[in-house]
């Protein structure tokens, strides 16, 4: 296996393992076994489990978050249509529905115990919040929503409520239940229509 392939494989497997099992429950040995990579390759690319996971967050998790939460609308697309499309796409993403938002899961697990993780994960959360608030503000400016909508507050509410829906146990999670519960959130947004 080439060094560049080993690095990429380690990042992919680390994302899967940490997403499903969490940081604390994921061992280096489990990652190496699943990746089929010798321990020396791991330490050649990453000095520790923490540095591997930090790289995975930047290079894999953040990319996934941008794919899950698409808050930039296309030309001639309404804000409401963009948000509805985003929720419909989330409902079709089986890992997201089954395991929840990986950003949220890591924030809950790692932010209270490690400052470096906290800063990195919070930065991505704030980026997502900012994108959604801008999208909602654009909806107000274009006359789609009335001025009673507070973009910053509603964006935080929408993200938090979505994480809540996604954080249900896998036995309670399904695409249908996600769509049903997210429809309630979208109905609240609809109430601000101009």
Foldseek 3Di string as FASTA:
>chain_A
DDLVLLLVLLLVLVCVCCLAPNLVPDDPVVSCVVSVHDPVSVCVVAVDSVRSVVVSCVPPLLVVVCVLQPLDDDPPDANLRSRVVSLLVCLVDVSCQARNRSLVRRCVVPLVPDVVNVVVSVVSVVVSLVSQLVSVVVCCVVQQFDPVDRSNVLSVVLVVQLRVNSNDHNVPTHSVSSVVSVVVSSVVVNVRTD
